[in-house]
């Protein structure tokens, strides 16, 4: 995607990408089995994008209000070790992550889609949202993906970060061999 020069600069200096889950990494629906177990569906495209980002040295973390075994399994599968789930105070989670990693808020992006995400989006260097986000969240976001949450939106963000850092062509070449 084409971004204004200030957004492009923030992408190229990004060291940490934080994500909400429901509505960003998923379509925002919650499915329960007859036994009461929660099922979440994640995009494999988002997963590859996040792995490529982490392989390039960019940290990835989760700040979400819901707890889910499916999310824990997905984070374990992808190697995401900054998992803050069941969080009511997302700003405190942000502050804990910044203290733990030594990364500044200005070097951090957060992707959210609904009202509980606004508090973090306003405190990081780059606020990101998805196509089907709340209108109030879209007003705060500097990047709005053309994809809906759970449908490759975060993959697009990962590609934009890697392209801004001049790494994308090398990644494509590596997969082309």
Protein backbone atom coordinates (compact mmCIF):
# COMPACT_ATOMS: atom_id res chain seq x y z
CA UNK A 1 0.00 0.00 0.00
CA UNK A 2 1.08 3.57 -0.54
CA UNK A 3 1.50 5.48 2.69
CA UNK A 4 2.27 9.13 3.47
CA UNK A 5 5.96 9.79 4.16
CA UNK A 6 5.50 10.08 7.95
CA UNK A 7 3.73 6.70 8.07
CA UNK A 8 6.39 5.20 5.81
CA UNK A 9 9.06 6.45 8.22
CA UNK A 10 7.24 4.92 11.21
CA UNK A 11 6.99 1.60 9.36
CA UNK A 12 10.71 1.63 8.55
CA UNK A 13 11.61 2.36 12.20
CA UNK A 14 9.17 -0.16 13.67
CA UNK A 15 10.59 -2.54 16.28
CA UNK A 16 7.37 -3.89 17.83
CA UNK A 17 3.97 -4.80 16.39
CA UNK A 18 1.22 -5.35 18.95
CA UNK A 19 -2.14 -6.82 18.03
CA UNK A 20 -5.62 -7.21 19.34
CA UNK A 21 -7.10 -10.60 18.43
CA UNK A 22 -10.86 -10.71 17.88
CA UNK A 23 -11.65 -8.65 14.80
CA UNK A 24 -7.96 -8.23 13.87
CA UNK A 25 -6.43 -11.73 13.75
CA UNK A 26 -9.91 -13.29 13.52
CA UNK A 27 -13.13 -12.25 11.82
CA UNK A 28 -14.47 -11.16 15.18
CA UNK A 29 -16.82 -14.05 15.74
CA UNK A 30 -16.76 -16.48 18.65
CA UNK A 31 -17.86 -20.06 18.02
CA UNK A 32 -18.59 -22.55 20.80
CA UNK A 33 -18.79 -26.33 20.56
CA UNK A 34 -21.62 -28.20 22.28
CA UNK A 35 -19.13 -28.83 25.10
CA UNK A 36 -18.62 -25.09 25.55
CA UNK A 37 -15.11 -24.98 24.05
CA UNK A 38 -14.29 -21.83 22.11
CA UNK A 39 -13.10 -22.13 18.51
CA UNK A 40 -11.16 -19.40 16.71
CA UNK A 41 -10.11 -19.32 13.07
CA UNK A 42 -6.86 -17.60 12.14
CA UNK A 43 -5.56 -16.71 8.69
CA UNK A 44 -2.48 -18.67 7.64
CA UNK A 45 -1.50 -15.63 5.54
CA UNK A 46 -1.39 -13.51 8.69
CA UNK A 47 0.63 -16.26 10.36
CA UNK A 48 3.28 -16.33 7.64
CA UNK A 49 3.49 -12.55 7.65
CA UNK A 50 4.03 -12.51 11.42
CA UNK A 51 6.70 -15.22 11.18
CA UNK A 52 8.51 -13.25 8.45
CA UNK A 53 8.35 -10.12 10.60
CA UNK A 54 9.78 -11.94 13.63
CA UNK A 55 12.47 -13.57 11.48
CA UNK A 56 13.47 -10.03 10.46
CA UNK A 57 13.93 -9.08 14.13
CA UNK A 58 10.67 -7.23 14.72
CA UNK A 59 8.95 -8.26 17.96
CA UNK A 60 5.29 -9.25 17.88
CA UNK A 61 2.91 -9.27 20.81
CA UNK A 62 -0.74 -9.67 21.70
CA UNK A 63 -2.91 -7.52 23.96
CA UNK A 64 -6.47 -8.82 24.12
CA UNK A 65 -9.38 -8.73 26.50
CA UNK A 66 -10.38 -12.37 26.01
CA UNK A 67 -8.66 -15.54 27.16
CA UNK A 68 -8.65 -18.48 24.79
CA UNK A 69 -6.80 -21.78 24.61
CA UNK A 70 -6.98 -21.45 20.83
CA UNK A 71 -5.06 -18.17 21.04
CA UNK A 72 -2.42 -19.68 23.32
CA UNK A 73 -1.96 -22.53 20.83
CA UNK A 74 -1.68 -20.08 17.92
CA UNK A 75 0.90 -17.97 19.74
CA UNK A 76 2.90 -21.08 20.62
CA UNK A 77 2.74 -22.20 16.98
CA UNK A 78 4.00 -18.84 15.73
CA UNK A 79 6.55 -18.25 18.50
CA UNK A 80 4.82 -15.17 19.92
CA UNK A 81 5.98 -14.90 23.53
CA UNK A 82 4.48 -11.50 24.35
CA UNK A 83 0.95 -12.70 25.10
CA UNK A 84 -1.20 -10.54 27.34
CA UNK A 85 -4.70 -12.06 27.32
CA UNK A 86 -7.66 -11.48 29.59
CA UNK A 87 -6.55 -7.86 29.85
CA UNK A 88 -8.95 -5.18 31.03
CA UNK A 89 -6.36 -2.38 31.25
CA UNK A 90 -4.64 -2.51 27.88
CA UNK A 91 -2.50 0.56 28.62
CA UNK A 92 -0.91 -1.18 31.62
CA UNK A 93 -0.17 -4.17 29.37
CA UNK A 94 1.43 -1.84 26.81
CA UNK A 95 3.59 -0.25 29.51
CA UNK A 96 4.64 -3.70 30.78
CA UNK A 97 5.61 -4.81 27.27
CA UNK A 98 7.62 -1.64 26.61
CA UNK A 99 9.43 -2.05 29.94
CA UNK A 100 10.10 -5.74 29.24
CA UNK A 101 11.42 -5.18 25.71
CA UNK A 102 13.12 -1.79 26.11
CA UNK A 103 11.31 -0.61 22.97
CA UNK A 104 9.73 2.84 23.00
CA UNK A 105 6.09 3.63 22.28
CA UNK A 106 7.26 5.59 19.23
CA UNK A 107 8.87 2.43 17.79
CA UNK A 108 5.66 0.47 18.37
CA UNK A 109 2.53 -0.09 16.28
CA UNK A 110 -0.77 -1.43 17.55
CA UNK A 111 -3.52 -2.93 15.40
CA UNK A 112 -6.98 -2.83 16.91
CA UNK A 113 -10.53 -2.74 15.65
CA UNK A 114 -12.90 -1.62 18.38
CA UNK A 115 -13.38 0.81 21.25
CA UNK A 116 -11.28 -1.06 23.89
CA UNK A 117 -8.27 -0.64 21.56
CA UNK A 118 -8.41 3.16 21.32
CA UNK A 119 -6.44 3.74 24.53
CA UNK A 120 -3.42 1.81 23.19
CA UNK A 121 -3.74 3.12 19.64
CA UNK A 122 -3.42 6.68 20.93
CA UNK A 123 -0.22 5.89 22.86
CA UNK A 124 1.90 4.15 20.22
CA UNK A 125 3.84 5.56 17.30
CA UNK A 126 1.59 3.98 14.68
CA UNK A 127 -2.11 3.10 15.02
CA UNK A 128 -3.40 0.48 12.58
CA UNK A 129 -6.87 -0.90 11.96
CA UNK A 130 -8.74 -3.19 9.60
CA UNK A 131 -11.31 -2.42 6.92
CA UNK A 132 -14.30 -3.48 9.04
CA UNK A 133 -13.26 -1.68 12.23
CA UNK A 134 -15.43 0.63 14.28
CA UNK A 135 -15.73 4.09 12.67
CA UNK A 136 -14.32 5.66 15.86
CA UNK A 137 -11.22 3.47 15.59
CA UNK A 138 -10.80 4.34 11.92
CA UNK A 139 -10.63 8.03 12.90
CA UNK A 140 -7.53 7.33 15.05
CA UNK A 141 -5.75 4.89 12.73
CA UNK A 142 -2.98 6.03 10.38
CA UNK A 143 -3.26 2.78 8.40
CA UNK A 144 -6.55 1.13 7.49
CA UNK A 145 -6.02 -2.17 5.69
CA UNK A 146 -8.11 -2.95 2.62
CA UNK A 147 -8.81 -6.39 4.14
CA UNK A 148 -11.19 -7.27 6.93
CA UNK A 149 -9.92 -8.65 10.20
CA UNK A 150 -8.99 -12.33 9.99
CA UNK A 151 -8.73 -12.17 6.20
CA UNK A 152 -5.09 -11.29 5.66
CA UNK A 153 -5.16 -7.73 7.02
CA UNK A 154 -2.16 -8.30 9.27
CA UNK A 155 -0.27 -9.99 6.44
CA UNK A 156 -0.63 -6.72 4.52
CA UNK A 157 0.76 -4.80 7.50
CA UNK A 158 3.71 -7.21 7.79
CA UNK A 159 4.50 -6.83 4.10
CA UNK A 160 4.32 -3.05 4.38
CA UNK A 161 6.78 -3.11 7.30
CA UNK A 162 9.19 -5.44 5.51
CA UNK A 163 8.99 -3.41 2.28
CA UNK A 164 9.64 -0.17 4.17
CA UNK A 165 12.77 -1.73 5.65
CA UNK A 166 13.96 -2.87 2.21
CA UNK A 167 13.66 -6.57 3.14
CA UNK A 168 10.73 -7.76 1.05
CA UNK A 169 12.54 -8.46 -2.25
CA UNK A 170 15.11 -10.61 -0.41
CA UNK A 171 12.31 -12.58 1.27
CA UNK A 172 10.57 -13.20 -2.05
CA UNK A 173 13.88 -14.22 -3.63
CA UNK A 174 14.53 -16.68 -0.78
CA UNK A 175 11.16 -18.35 -1.39
CA UNK A 176 11.73 -18.35 -5.15
CA UNK A 177 14.86 -20.48 -5.03
